[in-house]
């Protein structure tokens, strides 16, 4: 059997960032998660409980040294089990202008987040 390396299919820059975040869930209120990586179109996060694929959630990401947080609305596109919890991919559906600018600054390596 021949094994080929996986081909990266993402078209947007994705950078690793480990930030505290909250997912707003109807059944339990705000739930703590940790970001794994972020792009302009989505993020990967680590959670101790599974997130429902296809479900929309509000997400608030605490960015160190920023006066505000990234607030986004997104849909879960995958959720896989790991030995320590779950990794979930979230595609952004909407966010405010500050949150977009903050992500752009993070991805371009700007020292100060707007």
N, C-alpha and C. Protein backbone atom coordinates (compact mmCIF):
# COMPACT_ATOMS: atom_id res chain seq x y z
N UNK A 1 0.84 -1.17 0.00
CA UNK A 1 0.00 0.00 0.00
C UNK A 1 0.89 1.24 0.00
N UNK A 2 0.62 2.18 -0.90
CA UNK A 2 1.38 3.42 -0.98
C UNK A 2 0.69 4.49 -0.16
N UNK A 3 1.48 5.21 0.60
CA UNK A 3 0.94 6.31 1.38
C UNK A 3 1.49 7.62 0.85
N UNK A 4 0.61 8.56 0.60
CA UNK A 4 1.01 9.86 0.11
C UNK A 4 0.71 10.90 1.19
N UNK A 5 1.56 11.90 1.32
CA UNK A 5 1.27 12.93 2.32
C UNK A 5 -0.01 13.67 1.95
N UNK A 6 -0.73 14.07 2.97
CA UNK A 6 -1.96 14.82 2.74
C UNK A 6 -1.62 16.15 2.09
N UNK A 7 -2.44 16.56 1.16
CA UNK A 7 -2.25 17.83 0.48
C UNK A 7 -3.08 18.88 1.22
N UNK A 8 -2.43 19.98 1.57
CA UNK A 8 -3.12 21.07 2.25
C UNK A 8 -4.13 21.69 1.29
N UNK A 9 -5.39 21.71 1.67
CA UNK A 9 -6.44 22.23 0.81
C UNK A 9 -6.90 23.63 1.21
N UNK A 10 -6.45 24.11 2.36
CA UNK A 10 -6.86 25.44 2.80
C UNK A 10 -6.21 26.49 1.90
N UNK A 11 -6.96 27.53 1.62
CA UNK A 11 -6.45 28.59 0.78
C UNK A 11 -6.11 29.84 1.56
N UNK A 12 -6.42 29.85 2.83
CA UNK A 12 -6.15 31.01 3.68
C UNK A 12 -5.06 30.67 4.70
N UNK A 13 -4.26 31.69 5.03
CA UNK A 13 -3.23 31.53 6.04
C UNK A 13 -3.87 31.13 7.36
N UNK A 14 -3.31 30.13 8.00
CA UNK A 14 -3.79 29.64 9.30
C UNK A 14 -2.56 29.61 10.21
N UNK A 15 -2.68 30.30 11.35
CA UNK A 15 -1.54 30.36 12.27
C UNK A 15 -1.93 29.80 13.62
N UNK A 16 -0.98 29.14 14.28
CA UNK A 16 -1.27 28.60 15.61
C UNK A 16 -1.35 29.72 16.64
N UNK A 17 -2.41 29.71 17.42
CA UNK A 17 -2.60 30.63 18.54
C UNK A 17 -3.31 29.87 19.64
N UNK A 18 -2.77 29.93 20.83
CA UNK A 18 -3.39 29.27 21.98
C UNK A 18 -3.96 30.38 22.87
N UNK A 19 -5.26 30.63 22.70
CA UNK A 19 -5.96 31.65 23.45
C UNK A 19 -7.14 31.02 24.19
N UNK A 20 -7.45 31.56 25.35
CA UNK A 20 -8.68 31.15 26.04
C UNK A 20 -9.87 31.69 25.25
N UNK A 21 -10.92 30.90 25.19
CA UNK A 21 -12.11 31.31 24.47
C UNK A 21 -13.34 30.73 25.14
N UNK A 22 -14.48 31.23 24.77
CA UNK A 22 -15.77 30.73 25.26
C UNK A 22 -16.65 30.43 24.07
N UNK A 23 -17.36 29.32 24.16
CA UNK A 23 -18.37 28.97 23.18
C UNK A 23 -19.71 29.11 23.91
N UNK A 24 -20.62 29.84 23.31
CA UNK A 24 -21.92 30.03 23.93
C UNK A 24 -22.84 28.91 23.49
N UNK A 25 -23.20 28.07 24.46
CA UNK A 25 -24.02 26.89 24.20
C UNK A 25 -25.36 27.06 24.91
N UNK A 26 -26.44 26.75 24.21
CA UNK A 26 -27.79 26.91 24.77
C UNK A 26 -27.98 26.11 26.05
N UNK A 27 -27.50 24.88 26.06
CA UNK A 27 -27.81 23.98 27.17
C UNK A 27 -26.96 24.20 28.42
N UNK A 28 -25.77 24.83 28.30
CA UNK A 28 -24.92 25.01 29.47
C UNK A 28 -24.39 26.43 29.63
N UNK A 29 -24.78 27.35 28.79
CA UNK A 29 -24.24 28.71 28.86
C UNK A 29 -22.83 28.75 28.31
N UNK A 30 -22.05 29.78 28.65
CA UNK A 30 -20.69 29.89 28.13
C UNK A 30 -19.84 28.69 28.58
N UNK A 31 -19.12 28.13 27.63
CA UNK A 31 -18.30 26.95 27.88
C UNK A 31 -16.86 27.25 27.48
N UNK A 32 -15.91 27.00 28.35
CA UNK A 32 -14.49 27.32 28.10
C UNK A 32 -13.86 26.33 27.13
N UNK A 33 -13.12 26.89 26.16
CA UNK A 33 -12.36 26.12 25.18
C UNK A 33 -11.02 26.83 24.99
N UNK A 34 -10.15 26.25 24.18
CA UNK A 34 -8.86 26.85 23.86
C UNK A 34 -8.68 26.80 22.35
N UNK A 35 -8.24 27.92 21.77
CA UNK A 35 -7.99 27.91 20.34
C UNK A 35 -6.70 27.14 20.05
N UNK A 36 -6.67 26.51 18.88
CA UNK A 36 -5.49 25.80 18.41
C UNK A 36 -4.84 26.60 17.30
N UNK A 37 -5.66 27.05 16.35
CA UNK A 37 -5.17 27.91 15.27
C UNK A 37 -6.33 28.75 14.75
N UNK A 38 -5.96 29.82 14.03
CA UNK A 38 -6.95 30.79 13.56
C UNK A 38 -6.62 31.19 12.13
N UNK A 39 -7.65 31.39 11.32
CA UNK A 39 -7.50 31.97 9.98
C UNK A 39 -8.60 33.02 9.81
N UNK A 40 -8.61 33.67 8.68
CA UNK A 40 -9.66 34.66 8.41
C UNK A 40 -11.03 34.01 8.28
N UNK A 41 -11.05 32.74 7.95
CA UNK A 41 -12.32 32.08 7.68
C UNK A 41 -12.75 31.08 8.75
N UNK A 42 -11.90 30.84 9.74
CA UNK A 42 -12.30 29.89 10.76
C UNK A 42 -11.20 29.63 11.76
N UNK A 43 -11.45 28.63 12.60
CA UNK A 43 -10.48 28.28 13.62
C UNK A 43 -10.63 26.82 14.01
N UNK A 44 -9.61 26.33 14.67
CA UNK A 44 -9.66 25.02 15.29
C UNK A 44 -9.59 25.27 16.78
N UNK A 45 -10.38 24.52 17.54
CA UNK A 45 -10.34 24.69 18.98
C UNK A 45 -10.33 23.35 19.68
N UNK A 46 -9.87 23.38 20.92
CA UNK A 46 -9.84 22.19 21.76
C UNK A 46 -10.93 22.34 22.81
N UNK A 47 -11.69 21.26 23.01
CA UNK A 47 -12.81 21.28 23.95
C UNK A 47 -12.82 19.98 24.74
N UNK A 48 -13.34 20.04 25.96
CA UNK A 48 -13.48 18.82 26.75
C UNK A 48 -14.79 18.09 26.45
N UNK A 49 -15.65 18.72 25.69
CA UNK A 49 -16.89 18.05 25.28
C UNK A 49 -17.07 18.24 23.77
N UNK A 50 -17.76 17.32 23.12
CA UNK A 50 -17.92 17.44 21.67
C UNK A 50 -18.84 18.60 21.31
N UNK A 51 -18.57 19.20 20.15
CA UNK A 51 -19.45 20.22 19.59
C UNK A 51 -20.18 19.59 18.41
N UNK A 52 -21.45 19.88 18.30
CA UNK A 52 -22.29 19.25 17.27
C UNK A 52 -21.94 19.76 15.88
N UNK A 53 -21.59 18.84 14.99
CA UNK A 53 -21.28 19.20 13.61
C UNK A 53 -22.54 19.79 12.97
N UNK A 54 -22.35 20.92 12.27
CA UNK A 54 -23.46 21.59 11.60
C UNK A 54 -24.18 22.60 12.48
N UNK A 55 -23.85 22.64 13.74
CA UNK A 55 -24.50 23.57 14.66
C UNK A 55 -23.74 24.90 14.70
N UNK A 56 -24.48 25.99 14.84
CA UNK A 56 -23.89 27.32 14.93
C UNK A 56 -23.70 27.71 16.39
N UNK A 57 -22.56 28.36 16.67
CA UNK A 57 -22.25 28.81 18.01
C UNK A 57 -21.68 30.23 17.95
N UNK A 58 -21.90 30.98 19.01
CA UNK A 58 -21.19 32.25 19.20
C UNK A 58 -19.89 31.92 19.92
N UNK A 59 -18.81 32.57 19.51
CA UNK A 59 -17.49 32.31 20.08
C UNK A 59 -16.86 33.63 20.47
N UNK A 60 -16.31 33.68 21.67
CA UNK A 60 -15.61 34.87 22.16
C UNK A 60 -14.18 34.45 22.50
N UNK A 61 -13.20 35.08 21.83
CA UNK A 61 -11.80 34.72 22.00
C UNK A 61 -11.07 35.84 22.71
N UNK A 62 -10.45 35.52 23.83
CA UNK A 62 -9.66 36.50 24.58
C UNK A 62 -8.28 36.61 23.95
N UNK A 63 -7.95 37.81 23.46
CA UNK A 63 -6.65 38.04 22.84
C UNK A 63 -5.77 38.80 23.84
N UNK A 64 -4.62 38.22 24.23
CA UNK A 64 -3.75 38.91 25.18
C UNK A 64 -3.34 40.30 24.67
N UNK A 65 -3.23 41.24 25.57
CA UNK A 65 -2.82 42.61 25.26
C UNK A 65 -3.79 43.35 24.35
N UNK A 66 -5.02 42.91 24.30
CA UNK A 66 -6.04 43.59 23.51
C UNK A 66 -7.13 44.09 24.46
N UNK A 67 -7.63 45.29 24.21
CA UNK A 67 -8.69 45.81 25.09
C UNK A 67 -10.04 45.12 24.89
N UNK A 68 -10.19 44.44 23.78
CA UNK A 68 -11.45 43.75 23.50
C UNK A 68 -11.15 42.32 23.11
N UNK A 69 -12.19 41.57 22.80
CA UNK A 69 -12.02 40.18 22.38
C UNK A 69 -12.56 40.01 20.96
N UNK A 70 -12.19 38.91 20.34
CA UNK A 70 -12.75 38.56 19.04
C UNK A 70 -14.09 37.90 19.30
N UNK A 71 -15.13 38.42 18.68
CA UNK A 71 -16.47 37.85 18.78
C UNK A 71 -16.90 37.39 17.40
N UNK A 72 -17.27 36.13 17.29
CA UNK A 72 -17.64 35.59 15.98
C UNK A 72 -18.80 34.62 16.13
N UNK A 73 -19.47 34.41 15.03
CA UNK A 73 -20.54 33.44 14.91
C UNK A 73 -20.03 32.42 13.90
N UNK A 74 -20.10 31.12 14.24
CA UNK A 74 -19.56 30.13 13.32
C UNK A 74 -20.29 28.81 13.40
N UNK A 75 -20.03 27.98 12.40
CA UNK A 75 -20.63 26.65 12.35
C UNK A 75 -19.54 25.58 12.45
N UNK A 76 -19.80 24.53 13.18
CA UNK A 76 -18.84 23.45 13.37
C UNK A 76 -18.84 22.58 12.12
N UNK A 77 -17.66 22.41 11.53
CA UNK A 77 -17.54 21.61 10.31
C UNK A 77 -16.95 20.23 10.58
N UNK A 78 -16.24 20.08 11.70
CA UNK A 78 -15.79 18.75 12.11
C UNK A 78 -15.55 18.77 13.61
N UNK A 79 -15.61 17.61 14.20
CA UNK A 79 -15.28 17.44 15.61
C UNK A 79 -14.74 16.02 15.78
N UNK A 80 -13.47 15.93 16.17
CA UNK A 80 -12.83 14.63 16.31
C UNK A 80 -12.37 14.41 17.74
N UNK A 81 -12.46 13.18 18.17
CA UNK A 81 -12.04 12.80 19.51
C UNK A 81 -10.52 12.69 19.56
N UNK A 82 -9.94 13.15 20.68
CA UNK A 82 -8.51 13.00 20.94
C UNK A 82 -8.39 12.33 22.31
N UNK A 83 -7.20 11.89 22.69
CA UNK A 83 -7.06 11.28 24.01
C UNK A 83 -7.43 12.23 25.17
N UNK A 84 -7.31 13.55 24.93
CA UNK A 84 -7.57 14.52 26.00
C UNK A 84 -8.89 15.26 25.87
N UNK A 85 -9.62 15.05 24.80
CA UNK A 85 -10.87 15.79 24.59
C UNK A 85 -11.29 15.75 23.13
N UNK A 86 -11.60 16.93 22.58
CA UNK A 86 -12.08 17.01 21.20
C UNK A 86 -11.46 18.20 20.49
N UNK A 87 -11.15 18.01 19.21
CA UNK A 87 -10.72 19.11 18.34
C UNK A 87 -11.87 19.39 17.40
N UNK A 88 -12.25 20.65 17.31
CA UNK A 88 -13.36 21.03 16.45
C UNK A 88 -12.93 22.13 15.50
N UNK A 89 -13.35 22.03 14.26
CA UNK A 89 -13.13 23.07 13.26
C UNK A 89 -14.39 23.89 13.13
N UNK A 90 -14.22 25.22 13.17
CA UNK A 90 -15.36 26.13 13.08
C UNK A 90 -15.14 27.07 11.90
N UNK A 91 -16.10 27.15 11.01
CA UNK A 91 -16.07 28.09 9.89
C UNK A 91 -16.83 29.34 10.31
N UNK A 92 -16.16 30.50 10.22
CA UNK A 92 -16.82 31.74 10.61
C UNK A 92 -17.96 32.07 9.65
N UNK A 93 -19.06 32.52 10.22
CA UNK A 93 -20.21 32.97 9.44
C UNK A 93 -20.32 34.49 9.48
N UNK A 94 -19.98 35.08 10.64
CA UNK A 94 -20.11 36.53 10.78
C UNK A 94 -19.27 36.99 11.97
N UNK A 95 -18.81 38.25 11.91
CA UNK A 95 -18.12 38.88 13.03
C UNK A 95 -18.09 40.38 12.80
N UNK A 96 -17.85 41.13 13.86
CA UNK A 96 -17.82 42.58 13.74
C UNK A 96 -16.49 43.05 13.13
N UNK A 97 -16.43 44.33 12.77
CA UNK A 97 -15.25 44.89 12.10
C UNK A 97 -14.01 44.81 12.99
N UNK A 98 -14.15 45.07 14.30
CA UNK A 98 -13.00 44.98 15.20
C UNK A 98 -12.43 43.56 15.18
N UNK A 99 -13.30 42.55 15.24
CA UNK A 99 -12.84 41.16 15.27
C UNK A 99 -12.10 40.80 13.99
N UNK A 100 -12.61 41.25 12.84
CA UNK A 100 -11.91 41.01 11.57
C UNK A 100 -10.54 41.67 11.57
N UNK A 101 -10.47 42.92 12.05
CA UNK A 101 -9.19 43.64 12.08
C UNK A 101 -8.22 42.95 13.04
N UNK A 102 -8.71 42.48 14.16
CA UNK A 102 -7.88 41.79 15.14
C UNK A 102 -7.28 40.52 14.54
N UNK A 103 -8.09 39.74 13.85
CA UNK A 103 -7.59 38.52 13.20
C UNK A 103 -6.56 38.88 12.13
N UNK A 104 -6.83 39.92 11.34
CA UNK A 104 -5.86 40.34 10.33
C UNK A 104 -4.53 40.71 10.97
N UNK A 105 -4.57 41.46 12.08
CA UNK A 105 -3.35 41.83 12.78
C UNK A 105 -2.60 40.60 13.29
N UNK A 106 -3.32 39.65 13.84
CA UNK A 106 -2.69 38.43 14.33
C UNK A 106 -2.02 37.66 13.19
N UNK A 107 -2.69 37.56 12.06
CA UNK A 107 -2.18 36.78 10.94
C UNK A 107 -1.00 37.45 10.24
N UNK A 108 -0.96 38.77 10.28
CA UNK A 108 0.14 39.49 9.61
C UNK A 108 1.27 39.80 10.57
N UNK A 109 1.12 39.40 11.84
CA UNK A 109 2.20 39.58 12.79
C UNK A 109 2.35 40.99 13.31
N UNK A 110 1.31 41.80 13.25
CA UNK A 110 1.37 43.15 13.80
C UNK A 110 1.61 43.07 15.29
N UNK A 111 2.43 43.94 15.82
CA UNK A 111 2.74 43.93 17.26
C UNK A 111 1.54 44.35 18.09
N UNK A 112 0.82 45.35 17.65
CA UNK A 112 -0.32 45.86 18.42
C UNK A 112 -1.61 45.44 17.76
N UNK A 113 -2.49 44.87 18.54
CA UNK A 113 -3.81 44.51 18.03
C UNK A 113 -4.68 45.75 18.16
N UNK A 114 -5.38 46.11 17.08
CA UNK A 114 -6.21 47.32 17.08
C UNK A 114 -7.31 47.27 18.09
